[in-house]
Structures are given as structure tokens and as C-alpha cells.
């Protein structure tokens, strides 16, 4: 079954299949609950119709069938939580060393209503940022007098990464709560003021997809869109060169 047929974009990350599998299980379970409770509702309509029960009964249910059903649902939900959700969450929070071997680290700064992407340049060191330097032409407040900042790259609503290379995105916000959402990568993380929150993923398909804000952040929330580009090494090197020439 293709998830695109269910409204999901095609998966483009190494961990996405596990997320999709869990979502499939949850949807099957919800559908089973819907069918079960619908049948029970129809049964009650027929069994306790007025013509069949002209006089109200005050004795109530005398069997434990409903208790058994509720216990079964609770056990299955516990199985989903303990057997699937918590292990998958733990794996995403603390990846193995092999999963994060030679990662590409990027800073993404959210603001109303755009994504500012900061790359450390060829030296691998981020330059100093100072909020007092923020201006229309320097929205990150990057100190270009800092030697480490001379080769830094800042892009606007455009995040580039390499295929098959792990990516660590450090998320911060300049103003309100935002939510960094990469549907194709199965990544979503709230960004809290005053905190730096890392997320990671490994792209397995080249191409472009959407960066969305999944948290209502103001009147311009709907326009807060960016683009994620998964490049080949040649495409990425070309883009870096062009950006360095234009900084």
C-alpha cells in the first residue's frame, strides 16, 4: 500500500518506514474500533427500541461483557505504547553512533514568518551571532567580523542536505513557538523560545519537498513555507560555491 494514496507524501528518509508502519497499525486499530462501536450502536438501537421495551428497566447491565471489551482495548493501547511507540521514540531521541556517522549539522532559526538556515561553512565552525546586530540585511545577527563567520552561509527558506548523509538540525526561534515539519522526512518538532532543540534524519532520495510550520504562529502562519533540497554531492558542492560567492 502506498502512503501517498492515504494522503501522505512518499517517504524520503531512512527512518520513515518505521513511522509509517506505526501509523498504519494505529489507523487499522482506529478503523476496527469504529466498526465495533458502530455495530454496538446499531445493536442498541434495535435491542432497546421503544416497541420492544415499552417500560423502562432500572436494573442496568448484568454481565461483564463491556468490562472485558474495555480491558481489551486498554491492553491493546498499552501494547502500542510500550511495544511500538516508546521504543521508536527512544531510538529517535538517542541514535546510535553508526546512525549519526559524519553528520551534516545545520542551524535553523524560525521567525514570523520564515525559516533562516545557517551553515558553518568549510571550516565547520559557526560564527558568532548577536541579537544586537539583527537588521533587515542581517536577520540572524551574524557577526561578519568574527573569523569563524567569514565563510558561513545563510539561506532564506532553503535547506540543502546530502543524500545518504545524516543531518542534525538545531532548532531555535526568534519570537514565538513554531513547529518544524518535514512531511517527506517524517520529522516534526516544536520549537520553544529560549531552547535549542536538535532533530536528525537521513535522506535516502534526492529531490525537493516542503518545510512547513505545524504550529499556529500568527496571522502569516499559512505563508511560512520553505523548501528542503536533497542533493547529490556534485549538486551540493555547486550550491555551496554559489552561496559563498553571493554572501
C-alpha atoms as a PDB file:
ATOM      1  CA  UNK A   1       0.000   0.000   0.000  1.00  0.00           C
ATOM      2  CA  UNK A   2       1.378   3.424  -0.962  1.00  0.00           C
ATOM      3  CA  UNK A   3       1.086   6.044   1.726  1.00  0.00           C
ATOM      4  CA  UNK A   4       0.618   8.704  -0.966  1.00  0.00           C
ATOM      5  CA  UNK A   5      -2.769   7.082  -1.582  1.00  0.00           C
ATOM      6  CA  UNK A   6      -3.702   7.834   2.028  1.00  0.00           C
ATOM      7  CA  UNK A   7      -2.706  11.496   1.836  1.00  0.00           C
ATOM      8  CA  UNK A   8       0.914  11.032   2.941  1.00  0.00           C
ATOM      9  CA  UNK A   9       3.821  12.128   0.730  1.00  0.00           C
ATOM     10  CA  UNK A  10       6.277   9.472  -0.373  1.00  0.00           C
ATOM     11  CA  UNK A  11       8.787   8.673   2.351  1.00  0.00           C
ATOM     12  CA  UNK A  12      12.290  10.022   1.706  1.00  0.00           C
ATOM     13  CA  UNK A  13      14.111   9.212   4.975  1.00  0.00           C
ATOM     14  CA  UNK A  14      15.833   6.147   6.388  1.00  0.00           C
ATOM     15  CA  UNK A  15      13.590   6.014   9.477  1.00  0.00           C
ATOM     16  CA  UNK A  16      10.335   6.904   7.702  1.00  0.00           C
ATOM     17  CA  UNK A  17       9.250   3.295   7.091  1.00  0.00           C
ATOM     18  CA  UNK A  18       9.080   2.670  10.862  1.00  0.00           C
ATOM     19  CA  UNK A  19       6.944   5.785  11.347  1.00  0.00           C
ATOM     20  CA  UNK A  20       4.638   4.743   8.507  1.00  0.00           C
ATOM     21  CA  UNK A  21       4.306   1.212   9.899  1.00  0.00           C
ATOM     22  CA  UNK A  22       3.270   2.543  13.309  1.00  0.00           C
ATOM     23  CA  UNK A  23       0.775   4.923  11.708  1.00  0.00           C
ATOM     24  CA  UNK A  24      -0.672   2.060   9.659  1.00  0.00           C
ATOM     25  CA  UNK A  25      -1.196  -0.017  12.814  1.00  0.00           C
ATOM     26  CA  UNK A  26      -2.872   2.933  14.543  1.00  0.00           C
ATOM     27  CA  UNK A  27      -5.213   3.553  11.615  1.00  0.00           C
ATOM     28  CA  UNK A  28      -6.168  -0.130  11.399  1.00  0.00           C
ATOM     29  CA  UNK A  29      -6.892  -0.104  15.127  1.00  0.00           C
ATOM     30  CA  UNK A  30      -8.992   3.065  14.843  1.00  0.00           C
ATOM     31  CA  UNK A  31     -10.925   1.565  11.939  1.00  0.00           C
ATOM     32  CA  UNK A  32     -11.568  -1.619  13.927  1.00  0.00           C
ATOM     33  CA  UNK A  33     -12.825   0.488  16.864  1.00  0.00           C
ATOM     34  CA  UNK A  34     -15.065   2.477  14.521  1.00  0.00           C
ATOM     35  CA  UNK A  35     -16.614  -0.702  13.086  1.00  0.00           C
ATOM     36  CA  UNK A  36     -17.005  -2.284  16.530  1.00  0.00           C
ATOM     37  CA  UNK A  37     -18.657   0.714  18.200  1.00  0.00           C
ATOM     38  CA  UNK A  38     -20.868   1.321  15.130  1.00  0.00           C
ATOM     39  CA  UNK A  39     -22.150  -2.259  15.313  1.00  0.00           C
ATOM     40  CA  UNK A  40     -22.716  -1.884  19.047  1.00  0.00           C
ATOM     41  CA  UNK A  41     -24.636   1.349  18.444  1.00  0.00           C
ATOM     42  CA  UNK A  42     -26.853  -0.332  15.848  1.00  0.00           C
ATOM     43  CA  UNK A  43     -27.414  -3.271  18.207  1.00  0.00           C
ATOM     44  CA  UNK A  44     -28.553  -0.903  20.959  1.00  0.00           C
ATOM     45  CA  UNK A  45     -30.929   0.886  18.587  1.00  0.00           C
ATOM     46  CA  UNK A  46     -32.586  -2.408  17.688  1.00  0.00           C
ATOM     47  CA  UNK A  47     -32.365  -4.250  21.027  1.00  0.00           C
ATOM     48  CA  UNK A  48     -33.640  -1.379  23.162  1.00  0.00           C
ATOM     49  CA  UNK A  49     -36.162   0.149  20.778  1.00  0.00           C
ATOM     50  CA  UNK A  50     -39.347   1.509  22.306  1.00  0.00           C
ATOM     51  CA  UNK A  51     -41.652  -1.103  20.788  1.00  0.00           C
ATOM     52  CA  UNK A  52     -39.540  -3.880  22.317  1.00  0.00           C
ATOM     53  CA  UNK A  53     -39.127  -2.157  25.690  1.00  0.00           C
ATOM     54  CA  UNK A  54     -42.269  -0.113  26.436  1.00  0.00           C
ATOM     55  CA  UNK A  55     -41.345   0.056  30.136  1.00  0.00           C
ATOM     56  CA  UNK A  56     -38.022   1.423  31.329  1.00  0.00           C
ATOM     57  CA  UNK A  57     -35.702  -1.015  33.096  1.00  0.00           C
ATOM     58  CA  UNK A  58     -33.718   0.230  36.082  1.00  0.00           C
ATOM     59  CA  UNK A  59     -31.626  -2.893  36.602  1.00  0.00           C
ATOM     60  CA  UNK A  60     -28.883  -1.970  34.096  1.00  0.00           C
ATOM     61  CA  UNK A  61     -26.380  -4.337  32.521  1.00  0.00           C
ATOM     62  CA  UNK A  62     -25.965  -7.598  34.412  1.00  0.00           C
ATOM     63  CA  UNK A  63     -22.975  -9.055  32.521  1.00  0.00           C
ATOM     64  CA  UNK A  64     -19.303  -8.093  32.447  1.00  0.00           C
ATOM     65  CA  UNK A  65     -19.024  -8.071  28.658  1.00  0.00           C
ATOM     66  CA  UNK A  66     -18.454  -4.316  28.487  1.00  0.00           C
ATOM     67  CA  UNK A  67     -15.720  -4.553  31.143  1.00  0.00           C
ATOM     68  CA  UNK A  68     -13.934  -7.237  29.142  1.00  0.00           C
ATOM     69  CA  UNK A  69     -14.136  -5.101  25.986  1.00  0.00           C
ATOM     70  CA  UNK A  70     -12.762  -2.046  27.794  1.00  0.00           C
ATOM     71  CA  UNK A  71      -9.941  -4.127  29.279  1.00  0.00           C
ATOM     72  CA  UNK A  72      -9.086  -5.500  25.834  1.00  0.00           C
ATOM     73  CA  UNK A  73      -8.901  -2.010  24.350  1.00  0.00           C
ATOM     74  CA  UNK A  74      -6.717  -0.820  27.256  1.00  0.00           C
ATOM     75  CA  UNK A  75      -4.333  -3.786  26.849  1.00  0.00           C
ATOM     76  CA  UNK A  76      -4.004  -3.185  23.108  1.00  0.00           C
ATOM     77  CA  UNK A  77      -3.327   0.526  23.675  1.00  0.00           C
ATOM     78  CA  UNK A  78      -0.669  -0.359  26.253  1.00  0.00           C
ATOM     79  CA  UNK A  79       0.897  -2.740  23.719  1.00  0.00           C
ATOM     80  CA  UNK A  80       1.018   0.039  21.127  1.00  0.00           C
ATOM     81  CA  UNK A  81       2.593   2.421  23.621  1.00  0.00           C
ATOM     82  CA  UNK A  82       5.109   0.077  25.253  1.00  0.00           C
ATOM     83  CA  UNK A  83       5.835  -2.220  22.324  1.00  0.00           C
ATOM     84  CA  UNK A  84       5.943   0.280  19.460  1.00  0.00           C
ATOM     85  CA  UNK A  85       5.737   3.972  20.330  1.00  0.00           C
ATOM     86  CA  UNK A  86       8.195   4.220  23.247  1.00  0.00           C
ATOM     87  CA  UNK A  87      10.978   2.142  21.567  1.00  0.00           C
ATOM     88  CA  UNK A  88      10.636   4.157  18.357  1.00  0.00           C
ATOM     89  CA  UNK A  89      10.674   7.429  20.307  1.00  0.00           C
ATOM     90  CA  UNK A  90      13.752   6.337  22.275  1.00  0.00           C
ATOM     91  CA  UNK A  91      15.556   5.414  19.072  1.00  0.00           C
ATOM     92  CA  UNK A  92      14.822   8.828  17.566  1.00  0.00           C
ATOM     93  CA  UNK A  93      15.970  10.645  20.714  1.00  0.00           C
ATOM     94  CA  UNK A  94      19.218   8.702  21.165  1.00  0.00           C
ATOM     95  CA  UNK A  95      20.519   7.405  17.824  1.00  0.00           C
ATOM     96  CA  UNK A  96      23.432   5.006  17.596  1.00  0.00           C
ATOM     97  CA  UNK A  97      26.914   6.151  16.625  1.00  0.00           C
ATOM     98  CA  UNK A  98      26.583   4.451  13.227  1.00  0.00           C
ATOM     99  CA  UNK A  99      23.339   6.287  12.510  1.00  0.00           C
ATOM    100  CA  UNK A 100      25.000   9.661  13.110  1.00  0.00           C
ATOM    101  CA  UNK A 101      28.370   8.993  11.497  1.00  0.00           C
ATOM    102  CA  UNK A 102      29.803  12.154   9.893  1.00  0.00           C
ATOM    103  CA  UNK A 103      26.593  14.203  10.169  1.00  0.00           C
ATOM    104  CA  UNK A 104      25.879  17.482   8.413  1.00  0.00           C
ATOM    105  CA  UNK A 105      24.969  19.965  11.168  1.00  0.00           C
ATOM    106  CA  UNK A 106      22.748  22.938  10.392  1.00  0.00           C
ATOM    107  CA  UNK A 107      21.128  25.664  12.464  1.00  0.00           C
ATOM    108  CA  UNK A 108      17.526  26.549  11.597  1.00  0.00           C
ATOM    109  CA  UNK A 109      16.132  29.710  13.178  1.00  0.00           C
ATOM    110  CA  UNK A 110      12.366  30.244  12.972  1.00  0.00           C
ATOM    111  CA  UNK A 111      10.785  33.655  12.890  1.00  0.00           C
ATOM    112  CA  UNK A 112       7.438  35.115  11.921  1.00  0.00           C
ATOM    113  CA  UNK A 113       7.078  34.023   9.130  1.00  0.00           C
ATOM    114  CA  UNK A 114      10.185  32.432   7.622  1.00  0.00           C
ATOM    115  CA  UNK A 115      12.976  29.908   8.138  1.00  0.00           C
ATOM    116  CA  UNK A 116      16.553  31.175   8.431  1.00  0.00           C
ATOM    117  CA  UNK A 117      19.107  28.446   7.720  1.00  0.00           C
ATOM    118  CA  UNK A 118      22.698  28.858   8.964  1.00  0.00           C
ATOM    119  CA  UNK A 119      25.583  26.692   7.709  1.00  0.00           C
ATOM    120  CA  UNK A 120      29.019  26.764   9.386  1.00  0.00           C
ATOM    121  CA  UNK A 121      30.964  26.957   6.100  1.00  0.00           C
ATOM    122  CA  UNK A 122      34.017  24.951   5.085  1.00  0.00           C
ATOM    123  CA  UNK A 123      35.719  25.336   8.482  1.00  0.00           C
ATOM    124  CA  UNK A 124      32.825  23.566  10.213  1.00  0.00           C
ATOM    125  CA  UNK A 125      32.587  26.322  12.858  1.00  0.00           C
ATOM    126  CA  UNK A 126      29.591  28.593  13.272  1.00  0.00           C
ATOM    127  CA  UNK A 127      30.314  32.264  13.506  1.00  0.00           C
ATOM    128  CA  UNK A 128      29.145  34.363  16.443  1.00  0.00           C
ATOM    129  CA  UNK A 129      25.591  35.661  16.396  1.00  0.00           C
ATOM    130  CA  UNK A 130      24.473  38.721  18.326  1.00  0.00           C
ATOM    131  CA  UNK A 131      20.861  39.872  18.567  1.00  0.00           C
ATOM    132  CA  UNK A 132      22.086  43.494  18.596  1.00  0.00           C
ATOM    133  CA  UNK A 133      23.363  43.008  15.038  1.00  0.00           C
ATOM    134  CA  UNK A 134      19.980  41.915  13.673  1.00  0.00           C
ATOM    135  CA  UNK A 135      18.939  44.124  10.763  1.00  0.00           C
ATOM    136  CA  UNK A 136      16.874  43.777   7.560  1.00  0.00           C
ATOM    137  CA  UNK A 137      20.069  42.752   5.736  1.00  0.00           C
ATOM    138  CA  UNK A 138      21.329  40.551   8.603  1.00  0.00           C
ATOM    139  CA  UNK A 139      18.312  38.809  10.097  1.00  0.00           C
ATOM    140  CA  UNK A 140      20.418  36.295  12.018  1.00  0.00           C
ATOM    141  CA  UNK A 141      22.625  38.942  13.600  1.00  0.00           C
ATOM    142  CA  UNK A 142      25.730  37.185  12.258  1.00  0.00           C
ATOM    143  CA  UNK A 143      28.969  38.938  13.216  1.00  0.00           C
ATOM    144  CA  UNK A 144      30.931  39.015   9.957  1.00  0.00           C
ATOM    145  CA  UNK A 145      33.972  40.412  11.823  1.00  0.00           C
ATOM    146  CA  UNK A 146      34.281  37.072  13.609  1.00  0.00           C
ATOM    147  CA  UNK A 147      36.901  34.978  11.706  1.00  0.00           C
ATOM    148  CA  UNK A 148      34.717  31.874  12.067  1.00  0.00           C
ATOM    149  CA  UNK A 149      31.797  33.663  10.393  1.00  0.00           C
ATOM    150  CA  UNK A 150      33.598  34.731   7.205  1.00  0.00           C
ATOM    151  CA  UNK A 151      32.724  31.509   5.362  1.00  0.00           C
ATOM    152  CA  UNK A 152      29.327  30.970   6.995  1.00  0.00           C
ATOM    153  CA  UNK A 153      26.308  30.628   4.724  1.00  0.00           C
ATOM    154  CA  UNK A 154      22.842  31.946   5.493  1.00  0.00           C
ATOM    155  CA  UNK A 155      19.893  30.980   3.301  1.00  0.00           C
ATOM    156  CA  UNK A 156      16.261  32.039   3.460  1.00  0.00           C
ATOM    157  CA  UNK A 157      13.574  29.315   3.386  1.00  0.00           C
ATOM    158  CA  UNK A 158      16.004  26.977   1.605  1.00  0.00           C
ATOM    159  CA  UNK A 159      17.526  23.970   3.350  1.00  0.00           C
ATOM    160  CA  UNK A 160      20.042  21.854   1.423  1.00  0.00           C
ATOM    161  CA  UNK A 161      21.401  18.491   2.538  1.00  0.00           C
ATOM    162  CA  UNK A 162      23.152  15.475   1.032  1.00  0.00           C
ATOM    163  CA  UNK A 163      21.626  12.159   0.095  1.00  0.00           C
ATOM    164  CA  UNK A 164      22.554   9.266   2.430  1.00  0.00           C
ATOM    165  CA  UNK A 165      24.339  11.607   4.866  1.00  0.00           C
ATOM    166  CA  UNK A 166      22.801  12.077   8.337  1.00  0.00           C
ATOM    167  CA  UNK A 167      21.583  15.583   9.111  1.00  0.00           C
ATOM    168  CA  UNK A 168      21.340  17.182  12.558  1.00  0.00           C
ATOM    169  CA  UNK A 169      19.169  20.291  12.595  1.00  0.00           C
ATOM    170  CA  UNK A 170      19.496  22.553  15.655  1.00  0.00           C
ATOM    171  CA  UNK A 171      16.204  24.399  16.044  1.00  0.00           C
ATOM    172  CA  UNK A 172      15.723  27.784  17.718  1.00  0.00           C
ATOM    173  CA  UNK A 173      13.195  30.597  17.392  1.00  0.00           C
ATOM    174  CA  UNK A 174      13.498  34.384  17.494  1.00  0.00           C
ATOM    175  CA  UNK A 175       9.960  35.009  18.670  1.00  0.00           C
ATOM    176  CA  UNK A 176       7.038  32.628  19.319  1.00  0.00           C
ATOM    177  CA  UNK A 177       6.520  28.868  19.325  1.00  0.00           C
ATOM    178  CA  UNK A 178       6.854  27.317  15.858  1.00  0.00           C
ATOM    179  CA  UNK A 179       6.867  23.697  14.679  1.00  0.00           C
ATOM    180  CA  UNK A 180       9.456  22.425  12.185  1.00  0.00           C
ATOM    181  CA  UNK A 181       7.708  19.931   9.910  1.00  0.00           C
ATOM    182  CA  UNK A 182       9.309  17.938   7.087  1.00  0.00           C
ATOM    183  CA  UNK A 183       6.485  15.664   5.849  1.00  0.00           C
ATOM    184  CA  UNK A 184       8.673  13.729   3.394  1.00  0.00           C
ATOM    185  CA  UNK A 185      11.242  13.041   6.137  1.00  0.00           C
ATOM    186  CA  UNK A 186       8.633  12.145   8.783  1.00  0.00           C
ATOM    187  CA  UNK A 187      10.100  14.822  11.087  1.00  0.00           C
ATOM    188  CA  UNK A 188       8.089  17.229  13.239  1.00  0.00           C
ATOM    189  CA  UNK A 189       9.375  19.155  16.257  1.00  0.00           C
ATOM    190  CA  UNK A 190       8.035  22.119  18.207  1.00  0.00           C
ATOM    191  CA  UNK A 191      10.499  24.989  18.624  1.00  0.00           C
ATOM    192  CA  UNK A 192      10.312  26.632  22.046  1.00  0.00           C
ATOM    193  CA  UNK A 193      11.613  30.167  22.739  1.00  0.00           C
ATOM    194  CA  UNK A 194      14.823  30.088  24.746  1.00  0.00           C
ATOM    195  CA  UNK A 195      15.664  26.485  23.803  1.00  0.00           C
ATOM    196  CA  UNK A 196      17.865  24.826  21.185  1.00  0.00           C
ATOM    197  CA  UNK A 197      16.303  21.517  20.143  1.00  0.00           C
ATOM    198  CA  UNK A 198      18.063  19.043  17.810  1.00  0.00           C
ATOM    199  CA  UNK A 199      16.336  16.729  15.346  1.00  0.00           C
ATOM    200  CA  UNK A 200      18.003  14.322  12.957  1.00  0.00           C
ATOM    201  CA  UNK A 201      17.230  12.309   9.843  1.00  0.00           C
ATOM    202  CA  UNK A 202      18.988  10.651   6.917  1.00  0.00           C
ATOM    203  CA  UNK A 203      17.673  11.459   3.420  1.00  0.00           C
ATOM    204  CA  UNK A 204      17.547   8.488   1.043  1.00  0.00           C
ATOM    205  CA  UNK A 205      16.020  10.174  -2.022  1.00  0.00           C
ATOM    206  CA  UNK A 206      17.080  13.239  -3.965  1.00  0.00           C
ATOM    207  CA  UNK A 207      14.571  15.931  -4.821  1.00  0.00           C
ATOM    208  CA  UNK A 208      12.765  18.785  -3.126  1.00  0.00           C
ATOM    209  CA  UNK A 209       9.925  18.877  -0.607  1.00  0.00           C
ATOM    210  CA  UNK A 210       8.186  21.303   1.717  1.00  0.00           C
ATOM    211  CA  UNK A 211       9.245  22.762   5.054  1.00  0.00           C
ATOM    212  CA  UNK A 212       6.072  23.678   6.909  1.00  0.00           C
ATOM    213  CA  UNK A 213       5.254  25.286  10.234  1.00  0.00           C
ATOM    214  CA  UNK A 214       2.825  22.975  12.027  1.00  0.00           C
ATOM    215  CA  UNK A 215       2.062  25.384  14.882  1.00  0.00           C
ATOM    216  CA  UNK A 216      -0.210  28.410  14.543  1.00  0.00           C
ATOM    217  CA  UNK A 217       2.270  31.271  14.976  1.00  0.00           C
ATOM    218  CA  UNK A 218       0.392  34.390  13.876  1.00  0.00           C
ATOM    219  CA  UNK A 219      -1.539  35.956  11.031  1.00  0.00           C
ATOM    220  CA  UNK A 220       1.084  34.958   8.444  1.00  0.00           C
ATOM    221  CA  UNK A 221       1.319  31.331   9.578  1.00  0.00           C
ATOM    222  CA  UNK A 222      -0.026  29.924   6.291  1.00  0.00           C
ATOM    223  CA  UNK A 223       2.750  31.669   4.349  1.00  0.00           C
ATOM    224  CA  UNK A 224       5.564  30.241   6.492  1.00  0.00           C
ATOM    225  CA  UNK A 225       6.830  27.735   3.948  1.00  0.00           C
ATOM    226  CA  UNK A 226      10.316  26.714   2.955  1.00  0.00           C
ATOM    227  CA  UNK A 227      11.882  24.043   0.782  1.00  0.00           C
ATOM    228  CA  UNK A 228      14.125  21.106   1.573  1.00  0.00           C
ATOM    229  CA  UNK A 229      16.509  20.055  -1.196  1.00  0.00           C
ATOM    230  CA  UNK A 230      18.261  16.684  -1.055  1.00  0.00           C
ATOM    231  CA  UNK A 231      21.276  16.980  -3.358  1.00  0.00           C
ATOM    232  CA  UNK A 232      23.907  14.719  -4.797  1.00  0.00           C
ATOM    233  CA  UNK A 233      27.472  15.600  -3.711  1.00  0.00           C
ATOM    234  CA  UNK A 234      28.017  17.413  -7.036  1.00  0.00           C
ATOM    235  CA  UNK A 235      24.799  19.437  -6.702  1.00  0.00           C
ATOM    236  CA  UNK A 236      25.561  20.302  -3.092  1.00  0.00           C
ATOM    237  CA  UNK A 237      29.111  21.460  -3.886  1.00  0.00           C
ATOM    238  CA  UNK A 238      27.782  23.637  -6.711  1.00  0.00           C
ATOM    239  CA  UNK A 239      25.162  25.196  -4.452  1.00  0.00           C
ATOM    240  CA  UNK A 240      27.716  25.874  -1.699  1.00  0.00           C
ATOM    241  CA  UNK A 241      30.030  27.595  -4.166  1.00  0.00           C
ATOM    242  CA  UNK A 242      27.226  29.791  -5.483  1.00  0.00           C
ATOM    243  CA  UNK A 243      26.113  30.744  -1.971  1.00  0.00           C
ATOM    244  CA  UNK A 244      29.662  31.562  -0.825  1.00  0.00           C
ATOM    245  CA  UNK A 245      30.133  33.831  -3.820  1.00  0.00           C
ATOM    246  CA  UNK A 246      26.919  35.703  -3.003  1.00  0.00           C
ATOM    247  CA  UNK A 247      27.340  36.089   0.782  1.00  0.00           C
END
